[in-house]
Amino acid sequence: MNTNLKYQDITEKIIGAAFEVHKFLGNGFQEVIYQRALAIEMRKAGLEFAVKMRRT
């Protein structure tokens, strides 16, 4: 099985950030709390992303 995937590096960073958030916060918070925490972890990992904007 070939483990040299095209986006392996970025995928590992994203999943790693999500695991860090889950390890720290656990379950039971509102979605916005997880979104903010994931944004912090993704910035720490050097990932660029856009935050979902709320429609009013």
N, C-alpha and C. Protein backbone atom coordinates (compact mmCIF):
# COMPACT_ATOMS: atom_id res chain seq x y z
N MET A 1 0.83 -1.19 0.00
CA MET A 1 0.00 0.00 0.00
C MET A 1 0.87 1.24 0.00
N ASN A 2 0.58 2.18 -0.88
CA ASN A 2 1.36 3.41 -1.02
C ASN A 2 0.87 4.45 -0.01
N THR A 3 1.74 4.87 0.89
CA THR A 3 1.35 5.87 1.88
C THR A 3 1.82 7.27 1.51
N ASN A 4 2.41 7.44 0.34
CA ASN A 4 2.80 8.77 -0.14
C ASN A 4 1.62 9.41 -0.85
N LEU A 5 0.73 9.97 -0.06
CA LEU A 5 -0.45 10.61 -0.61
C LEU A 5 -0.13 12.04 -1.01
N LYS A 6 -0.87 12.56 -1.96
CA LYS A 6 -0.62 13.90 -2.49
C LYS A 6 -0.70 14.97 -1.40
N TYR A 7 -1.68 14.89 -0.52
CA TYR A 7 -1.87 15.91 0.51
C TYR A 7 -1.65 15.36 1.92
N GLN A 8 -0.76 14.39 2.05
CA GLN A 8 -0.53 13.73 3.33
C GLN A 8 -0.10 14.71 4.42
N ASP A 9 0.81 15.60 4.12
CA ASP A 9 1.32 16.54 5.12
C ASP A 9 0.21 17.42 5.69
N ILE A 10 -0.54 18.04 4.82
CA ILE A 10 -1.60 18.95 5.27
C ILE A 10 -2.71 18.17 5.98
N THR A 11 -3.01 16.98 5.50
CA THR A 11 -4.04 16.15 6.13
C THR A 11 -3.63 15.79 7.55
N GLU A 12 -2.39 15.41 7.74
CA GLU A 12 -1.89 15.08 9.08
C GLU A 12 -1.97 16.28 10.02
N LYS A 13 -1.68 17.46 9.51
CA LYS A 13 -1.75 18.67 10.34
C LYS A 13 -3.19 18.97 10.75
N ILE A 14 -4.11 18.83 9.82
CA ILE A 14 -5.52 19.11 10.11
C ILE A 14 -6.07 18.12 11.14
N ILE A 15 -5.82 16.84 10.91
CA ILE A 15 -6.30 15.82 11.83
C ILE A 15 -5.63 15.98 13.20
N GLY A 16 -4.35 16.28 13.19
CA GLY A 16 -3.64 16.50 14.46
C GLY A 16 -4.23 17.66 15.24
N ALA A 17 -4.57 18.74 14.55
CA ALA A 17 -5.18 19.89 15.21
C ALA A 17 -6.53 19.51 15.81
N ALA A 18 -7.30 18.75 15.07
CA ALA A 18 -8.62 18.32 15.56
C ALA A 18 -8.47 17.43 16.80
N PHE A 19 -7.50 16.53 16.80
CA PHE A 19 -7.27 15.68 17.96
C PHE A 19 -6.84 16.48 19.18
N GLU A 20 -6.01 17.49 18.96
CA GLU A 20 -5.58 18.34 20.07
C GLU A 20 -6.76 19.05 20.71
N VAL A 21 -7.65 19.56 19.87
CA VAL A 21 -8.86 20.23 20.38
C VAL A 21 -9.69 19.25 21.18
N HIS A 22 -9.89 18.07 20.65
CA HIS A 22 -10.71 17.08 21.34
C HIS A 22 -10.07 16.64 22.66
N LYS A 23 -8.75 16.46 22.64
CA LYS A 23 -8.05 16.08 23.87
C LYS A 23 -8.22 17.13 24.96
N PHE A 24 -8.13 18.39 24.56
CA PHE A 24 -8.18 19.49 25.52
C PHE A 24 -9.60 19.77 26.00
N LEU A 25 -10.55 19.83 25.07
CA LEU A 25 -11.92 20.22 25.42
C LEU A 25 -12.84 19.06 25.75
N GLY A 26 -12.63 17.93 25.11
CA GLY A 26 -13.55 16.82 25.30
C GLY A 26 -14.89 17.11 24.62
N ASN A 27 -15.95 16.58 25.20
CA ASN A 27 -17.29 16.72 24.61
C ASN A 27 -18.12 17.73 25.40
N GLY A 28 -19.20 18.21 24.75
CA GLY A 28 -20.20 18.96 25.49
C GLY A 28 -20.26 20.45 25.26
N PHE A 29 -19.36 21.00 24.47
CA PHE A 29 -19.38 22.44 24.22
C PHE A 29 -20.17 22.75 22.95
N GLN A 30 -20.56 24.00 22.80
CA GLN A 30 -21.23 24.43 21.58
C GLN A 30 -20.22 24.42 20.44
N GLU A 31 -20.75 24.30 19.22
CA GLU A 31 -19.91 24.18 18.03
C GLU A 31 -18.94 25.35 17.89
N VAL A 32 -19.37 26.55 18.23
CA VAL A 32 -18.53 27.74 18.07
C VAL A 32 -17.25 27.63 18.91
N ILE A 33 -17.33 26.99 20.05
CA ILE A 33 -16.15 26.82 20.90
C ILE A 33 -15.12 25.94 20.20
N TYR A 34 -15.59 24.84 19.61
CA TYR A 34 -14.70 23.95 18.87
C TYR A 34 -14.12 24.64 17.64
N GLN A 35 -14.93 25.45 16.97
CA GLN A 35 -14.44 26.18 15.79
C GLN A 35 -13.31 27.11 16.17
N ARG A 36 -13.48 27.85 17.25
CA ARG A 36 -12.44 28.79 17.69
C ARG A 36 -11.18 28.05 18.12
N ALA A 37 -11.35 26.96 18.85
CA ALA A 37 -10.19 26.19 19.30
C ALA A 37 -9.46 25.56 18.12
N LEU A 38 -10.22 25.07 17.14
CA LEU A 38 -9.59 24.48 15.96
C LEU A 38 -8.82 25.54 15.18
N ALA A 39 -9.36 26.73 15.09
CA ALA A 39 -8.66 27.82 14.40
C ALA A 39 -7.32 28.11 15.07
N ILE A 40 -7.31 28.12 16.40
CA ILE A 40 -6.06 28.35 17.14
C ILE A 40 -5.05 27.26 16.84
N GLU A 41 -5.49 26.00 16.91
CA GLU A 41 -4.58 24.88 16.67
C GLU A 41 -4.08 24.87 15.22
N MET A 42 -4.93 25.22 14.29
CA MET A 42 -4.51 25.23 12.88
C MET A 42 -3.49 26.34 12.63
N ARG A 43 -3.68 27.48 13.30
CA ARG A 43 -2.68 28.55 13.17
C ARG A 43 -1.34 28.11 13.75
N LYS A 44 -1.39 27.42 14.90
CA LYS A 44 -0.16 26.90 15.51
C LYS A 44 0.57 25.94 14.57
N ALA A 45 -0.21 25.19 13.79
CA ALA A 45 0.37 24.21 12.85
C ALA A 45 0.83 24.87 11.55
N GLY A 46 0.62 26.19 11.43
CA GLY A 46 1.06 26.91 10.24
C GLY A 46 0.13 26.75 9.05
N LEU A 47 -1.13 26.42 9.32
CA LEU A 47 -2.09 26.23 8.24
C LEU A 47 -2.85 27.53 7.97
N GLU A 48 -3.03 27.83 6.71
CA GLU A 48 -3.84 28.99 6.32
C GLU A 48 -5.24 28.51 6.01
N PHE A 49 -6.24 29.28 6.42
CA PHE A 49 -7.63 28.88 6.21
C PHE A 49 -8.51 30.11 6.29
N ALA A 50 -9.73 29.96 5.86
CA ALA A 50 -10.72 31.02 5.97
C ALA A 50 -11.78 30.60 6.97
N VAL A 51 -12.17 31.53 7.81
CA VAL A 51 -13.20 31.26 8.80
C VAL A 51 -14.55 31.41 8.14
N LYS A 52 -15.45 30.49 8.43
CA LYS A 52 -16.79 30.56 7.88
C LYS A 52 -17.48 31.81 8.39
N MET A 53 -17.99 32.60 7.48
CA MET A 53 -18.65 33.84 7.84
C MET A 53 -20.13 33.58 8.09
N ARG A 54 -20.67 34.22 9.10
CA ARG A 54 -22.09 34.10 9.42
C ARG A 54 -22.93 34.98 8.55
N ARG A 55 -24.03 34.43 8.07
CA ARG A 55 -24.97 35.25 7.30
C ARG A 55 -25.95 35.91 8.27
N THR A 56 -26.26 37.16 7.97
CA THR A 56 -27.23 37.86 8.83
C THR A 56 -28.45 38.26 8.04
